[in-house]
Protein backbone atom coordinates (compact mmCIF):
# COMPACT_ATOMS: atom_id res chain seq x y z
CA MET A 1 -1.56 20.13 15.27
CA GLN A 2 1.86 21.67 15.82
CA TRP A 3 3.92 23.33 13.08
CA GLY A 4 6.59 20.62 12.85
CA ILE A 5 4.07 17.86 12.29
CA LYS A 6 2.20 19.92 9.69
CA ASN A 7 5.46 20.72 7.90
CA ARG A 8 6.55 17.10 7.76
CA LEU A 9 3.14 15.94 6.54
CA ALA A 10 3.36 18.57 3.79
CA ARG A 11 6.55 16.88 2.61
CA ILE A 12 4.71 13.56 2.26
CA PHE A 13 1.36 14.85 0.95
CA ASN A 14 1.63 17.14 -2.06
CA PRO A 15 0.19 20.47 -0.81
CA GLU A 16 -1.39 21.14 -4.21
CA THR A 17 -3.39 17.91 -4.33
CA GLY A 18 -3.41 16.75 -0.72
CA ARG A 19 -2.33 13.31 -1.97
CA THR A 20 0.74 11.12 -1.82
CA VAL A 21 2.44 8.35 -3.75
CA MET A 22 4.51 6.52 -1.16
CA LEU A 23 6.89 3.78 -2.27
CA ALA A 24 7.00 0.93 0.24
CA VAL A 25 10.37 -0.84 0.40
CA ASP A 26 10.27 -2.03 4.01
CA HIS A 27 9.32 -5.63 3.21
CA GLY A 28 12.70 -7.06 4.14
CA TYR A 29 12.06 -6.53 7.84
CA PHE A 30 9.94 -9.68 7.84
CA LEU A 31 10.34 -11.20 4.35
CA GLY A 32 14.12 -10.91 3.99
CA PRO A 33 15.46 -10.52 0.41
CA THR A 34 12.13 -10.88 -1.35
CA ARG A 35 11.93 -11.02 -5.15
CA LYS A 36 13.10 -7.82 -6.90
CA LEU A 37 14.17 -6.32 -3.56
CA GLU A 38 17.32 -8.39 -3.19
CA ASN A 39 19.41 -5.26 -3.79
CA PRO A 40 17.40 -2.37 -2.33
CA ARG A 41 19.66 0.36 -3.71
CA GLU A 42 19.25 -0.86 -7.29
CA THR A 43 15.49 -1.18 -6.87
CA ILE A 44 14.94 2.17 -5.18
CA ALA A 45 17.22 4.54 -7.12
CA PRO A 46 15.31 4.75 -10.45
CA LEU A 47 11.96 5.11 -8.67
CA ILE A 48 12.79 7.96 -6.28
CA PRO A 49 12.08 10.76 -8.81
CA TYR A 50 8.44 9.64 -9.07
CA ALA A 51 7.69 8.97 -5.40
CA ASP A 52 6.54 11.48 -2.79
CA ALA A 53 8.04 9.46 0.07
CA LEU A 54 9.81 6.20 0.85
CA MET A 55 8.60 3.80 3.54
CA LEU A 56 11.60 1.83 4.77
CA THR A 57 13.69 0.63 7.70
CA ARG A 58 16.69 2.41 9.17
CA GLY A 59 19.07 -0.19 7.77
CA VAL A 60 17.92 0.35 4.20
CA LEU A 61 17.77 4.12 4.66
CA ARG A 62 21.34 4.29 5.95
CA ASN A 63 22.85 1.87 3.47
CA CYS A 64 20.77 2.13 0.31
CA VAL A 65 19.53 5.74 -0.03
CA ASP A 66 21.97 8.55 -0.78
CA PRO A 67 22.00 11.21 1.95
CA GLU A 68 21.88 13.84 -0.81
CA SER A 69 18.44 12.61 -1.79
CA ARG A 70 15.60 14.94 -0.83
CA ILE A 71 13.00 12.18 -0.73
CA PRO A 72 11.04 12.18 2.56
CA ALA A 73 11.51 9.05 4.65
CA VAL A 74 8.70 7.33 6.52
CA LEU A 75 10.64 5.13 8.90
CA ARG A 76 9.36 1.73 9.99
CA VAL A 77 10.14 1.34 13.66
CA SER A 78 8.32 -1.95 14.40
CA GLY A 79 9.33 -5.54 13.74
CA GLY A 80 10.99 -8.43 15.51
CA VAL A 81 9.10 -11.13 13.58
CA SER A 82 9.57 -13.03 10.31
CA ILE A 83 7.52 -14.87 7.74
CA VAL A 84 8.80 -18.21 9.09
CA GLY A 85 7.97 -17.42 12.72
CA PRO A 86 4.83 -18.42 14.60
CA SER A 87 3.03 -15.07 14.31
CA LEU A 88 3.54 -11.92 12.26
CA ALA A 89 1.39 -10.06 14.80
CA ASP A 90 3.93 -10.31 17.63
CA GLU A 91 5.76 -7.10 16.68
CA GLY A 92 7.58 -4.78 19.00
CA LEU A 93 9.32 -1.44 18.58
CA THR A 94 12.75 -1.93 17.00
CA THR A 95 14.03 1.62 16.53
CA SER A 96 14.38 4.40 19.09
CA PHE A 97 12.83 7.78 18.46
CA GLU A 98 16.26 9.34 18.93
CA ASP A 99 17.53 7.33 15.97
CA ALA A 100 14.56 8.46 13.89
CA ILE A 101 15.47 12.07 14.70
CA ARG A 102 19.11 11.44 13.76
CA LEU A 103 17.91 10.12 10.41
CA ASN A 104 15.88 13.30 9.80
CA VAL A 105 12.75 11.36 8.92
CA SER A 106 9.46 12.93 7.91
CA ALA A 107 7.33 10.36 9.76
CA VAL A 108 7.59 7.11 11.68
CA THR A 109 5.39 4.09 11.19
CA MET A 110 4.44 0.83 12.85
CA SER A 111 1.87 -1.93 12.42
CA ILE A 112 -1.08 -2.60 14.68
CA PHE A 113 -2.75 -6.01 14.84
CA VAL A 114 -6.33 -5.51 15.94
CA GLY A 115 -8.21 -8.71 16.71
CA THR A 116 -5.13 -10.80 17.48
CA GLU A 117 -3.64 -11.94 20.77
CA HIS A 118 -1.07 -9.17 20.34
CA GLU A 119 -3.65 -6.40 19.87
CA ARG A 120 -3.05 -4.74 23.24
CA GLU A 121 0.74 -4.68 22.92
CA THR A 122 0.74 -3.18 19.43
CA LEU A 123 -1.88 -0.56 20.34
CA LEU A 124 0.06 0.47 23.45
CA ASN A 125 3.21 0.70 21.33
CA LEU A 126 1.31 2.99 18.96
CA ALA A 127 0.27 5.18 21.89
CA GLU A 128 3.89 5.41 23.04
CA LEU A 129 5.02 6.31 19.53
CA VAL A 130 2.36 9.03 19.23
CA ASP A 131 3.46 10.53 22.56
CA GLN A 132 7.03 10.74 21.31
CA GLY A 133 5.90 12.05 17.94
CA GLU A 134 4.01 14.87 19.60
CA THR A 135 7.04 15.64 21.76
CA TYR A 136 9.42 15.94 18.81
CA GLY A 137 7.05 17.13 16.08
CA ILE A 138 7.19 13.98 13.93
CA PRO A 139 3.95 12.45 12.58
CA VAL A 140 3.04 8.80 13.08
CA LEU A 141 1.59 6.51 10.41
CA ALA A 142 -0.34 3.51 11.75
CA VAL A 143 -0.50 0.45 9.49
CA THR A 144 -3.59 -1.71 10.01
CA ALA A 145 -1.88 -5.02 9.41
CA VAL A 146 -3.70 -8.34 9.11
CA GLY A 147 -0.68 -10.65 9.15
CA LYS A 148 -1.33 -13.81 7.15
CA GLU A 149 -5.13 -13.51 7.46
CA LEU A 150 -5.95 -11.55 4.31
CA GLU A 151 -9.62 -12.54 4.51
CA LYS A 152 -10.03 -9.95 7.28
CA ARG A 153 -9.95 -7.14 4.73
CA ASP A 154 -13.59 -6.00 4.84
CA ALA A 155 -15.03 -2.56 5.54
CA ARG A 156 -16.33 -3.35 9.01
CA PHE A 157 -13.03 -4.70 10.28
CA LEU A 158 -10.85 -2.08 8.58
CA SER A 159 -13.11 0.73 9.83
CA LEU A 160 -12.58 -0.60 13.35
CA CYS A 161 -8.80 -0.70 12.89
CA CYS A 162 -8.50 2.74 11.33
CA ARG A 163 -10.77 4.42 13.87
CA ILE A 164 -8.86 2.89 16.80
CA ALA A 165 -5.56 4.06 15.29
CA ALA A 166 -6.92 7.59 14.87
CA GLU A 167 -8.39 7.62 18.37
CA ILE A 168 -4.99 6.73 19.81
CA GLY A 169 -3.52 9.65 17.91
CA ALA A 170 -2.03 8.42 14.63
CA HIS A 171 -1.68 11.31 12.20
CA TYR A 172 -2.56 9.16 9.20
CA VAL A 173 -3.39 5.51 8.56
CA LYS A 174 -2.47 2.92 5.98
CA THR A 175 -5.02 0.20 5.30
CA TYR A 176 -6.35 -2.05 2.57
CA TYR A 177 -8.86 -1.18 -0.12
CA CYS A 178 -12.11 -3.08 0.18
CA GLU A 179 -15.74 -3.10 -0.89
CA ASP A 180 -17.54 -0.08 0.62
CA PHE A 181 -14.17 1.57 1.20
CA GLU A 182 -15.81 4.98 1.50
CA LYS A 183 -17.23 3.82 4.86
CA VAL A 184 -13.69 3.25 6.12
CA VAL A 185 -12.68 6.76 5.07
CA GLU A 186 -15.80 8.45 6.41
CA SER A 187 -15.37 6.95 9.87
CA CYS A 188 -11.67 7.80 10.17
CA PRO A 189 -10.90 11.43 11.14
CA VAL A 190 -7.33 11.35 9.75
CA PRO A 191 -6.09 10.77 6.18
CA VAL A 192 -6.14 7.22 4.85
CA VAL A 193 -3.72 5.79 2.30
CA ILE A 194 -4.05 2.33 0.81
CA ALA A 195 -1.63 -0.56 0.69
CA GLY A 196 -0.95 -2.29 -2.59
CA GLY A 197 -0.58 -5.71 -1.01
CA PRO A 198 0.81 -8.70 -2.95
CA GLN A 199 1.34 -8.25 -6.68
CA LEU A 200 -1.98 -8.29 -8.55
CA ASP A 201 -2.76 -10.37 -11.65
CA SER A 202 -2.18 -7.49 -14.07
CA PHE A 203 -0.83 -3.98 -13.83
CA ARG A 204 -4.11 -2.61 -15.10
CA ASP A 205 -5.63 -4.08 -11.94
CA THR A 206 -3.13 -2.04 -9.93
CA LEU A 207 -4.19 1.15 -11.69
CA GLN A 208 -7.85 0.30 -11.13
CA LEU A 209 -7.13 -0.25 -7.43
CA ALA A 210 -5.45 3.15 -7.12
CA HIS A 211 -8.22 4.88 -9.09
CA ASP A 212 -11.06 3.33 -7.10
CA ALA A 213 -9.38 4.10 -3.78
CA ILE A 214 -8.83 7.77 -4.66
CA ALA A 215 -12.39 8.05 -5.99
CA ARG A 216 -13.67 6.79 -2.64
CA GLY A 217 -11.68 9.13 -0.49
CA ALA A 218 -8.16 7.74 -0.06
CA ARG A 219 -5.49 10.42 0.19
CA GLY A 220 -2.92 8.34 -1.62
CA VAL A 221 -1.23 4.98 -1.99
CA ASP A 222 1.68 3.23 -0.34
CA MET A 223 2.63 0.60 -2.90
CA GLY A 224 5.62 -1.68 -3.10
CA ARG A 225 5.40 -5.06 -4.79
CA ASN A 226 2.92 -3.88 -7.42
CA ILE A 227 5.54 -1.31 -8.45
CA TRP A 228 8.99 -2.86 -8.08
CA GLN A 229 8.00 -6.45 -8.85
CA ASP A 230 6.49 -5.30 -12.13
CA GLU A 231 8.44 -5.99 -15.29
CA HIS A 232 8.63 -2.22 -15.88
CA PRO A 233 8.84 -0.55 -12.44
CA VAL A 234 9.51 3.00 -13.67
CA ALA A 235 6.54 2.82 -16.02
CA ALA A 236 4.50 1.40 -13.14
CA ILE A 237 5.19 4.17 -10.66
CA ARG A 238 4.82 6.90 -13.27
CA SER A 239 1.36 5.67 -14.24
CA VAL A 240 0.25 5.20 -10.63
CA ARG A 241 1.41 8.75 -10.02
CA GLY A 242 -0.70 9.85 -12.98
CA VAL A 243 -3.80 8.34 -11.36
CA VAL A 244 -3.12 9.70 -7.87
CA GLN A 245 -1.64 13.12 -8.52
CA GLU A 246 -3.03 13.98 -11.96
CA ASN A 247 -6.50 12.35 -11.84
CA MET A 248 -5.75 10.25 -14.91
CA PRO A 249 -8.46 7.79 -15.95
CA VAL A 250 -7.32 4.18 -15.83
CA ASP A 251 -7.21 3.82 -19.61
CA GLU A 252 -5.02 6.90 -20.01
CA ALA A 253 -2.70 5.80 -17.20
CA PHE A 254 -2.39 2.34 -18.73
CA GLU A 255 -1.45 3.90 -22.06
CA LEU A 256 1.21 5.92 -20.24
CA TYR A 257 2.47 2.69 -18.70
CA ARG A 258 2.68 1.02 -22.11
CA SER A 259 4.41 4.03 -23.63
CA VAL A 260 7.08 4.31 -20.93
CA ALA A 261 7.57 0.53 -20.97
CA GLY A 262 8.12 0.66 -24.74
CA ARG A 263 5.26 -1.67 -25.54
């Protein structure tokens, strides 16, 4: 792995722990102004001090994140679909690599849709992105998306997705937590981070998700709605960070959440 890619990955993954707390705020590319992300700048600003990286689109990066901020950007470069369209899997590349370079990003990211009619197109797009990433020294994060079919989130299917992404050359992979998650990690030769997914029933469930994923080999989390849709988003990200970066037990992290939230 070349120096530039290693350097950029070290911005995203804390070199002391090898882990990351990514804050996902790219949802608008297919959901539009979803709840609590209607004004991205207001949502993002108080959370930046506790995140290791932001996952977002070029529009939100340019318009809603101060250029003086030192937060690493993981730039979503795929899209072209919406929640009201016929298929979330029919994504294409929406951002040139030259624009990613102009934005000084630490990584680029796109979704792959294994097992759908658009599997081949998204995998070939990933291969193209990896080629460009290797040319310019910018790592690529592959997101193993499942579209609207959340029932696909089992270890066998996610292991298939993650391994294919790694084989094509992704430098790290984002996927879902599942039963037997350690099998997903063991069969993937690059780091795996977990998605938070839709907001869970309670914030303690979110902390348990992060804890269990780390315990079974995840190298971090990339959470969005379970952070910024929470009633106390700063308390939420601080306690998730406690679990991921400080090895806090769930009970201790939940007490931190309650303390910061003023409960």
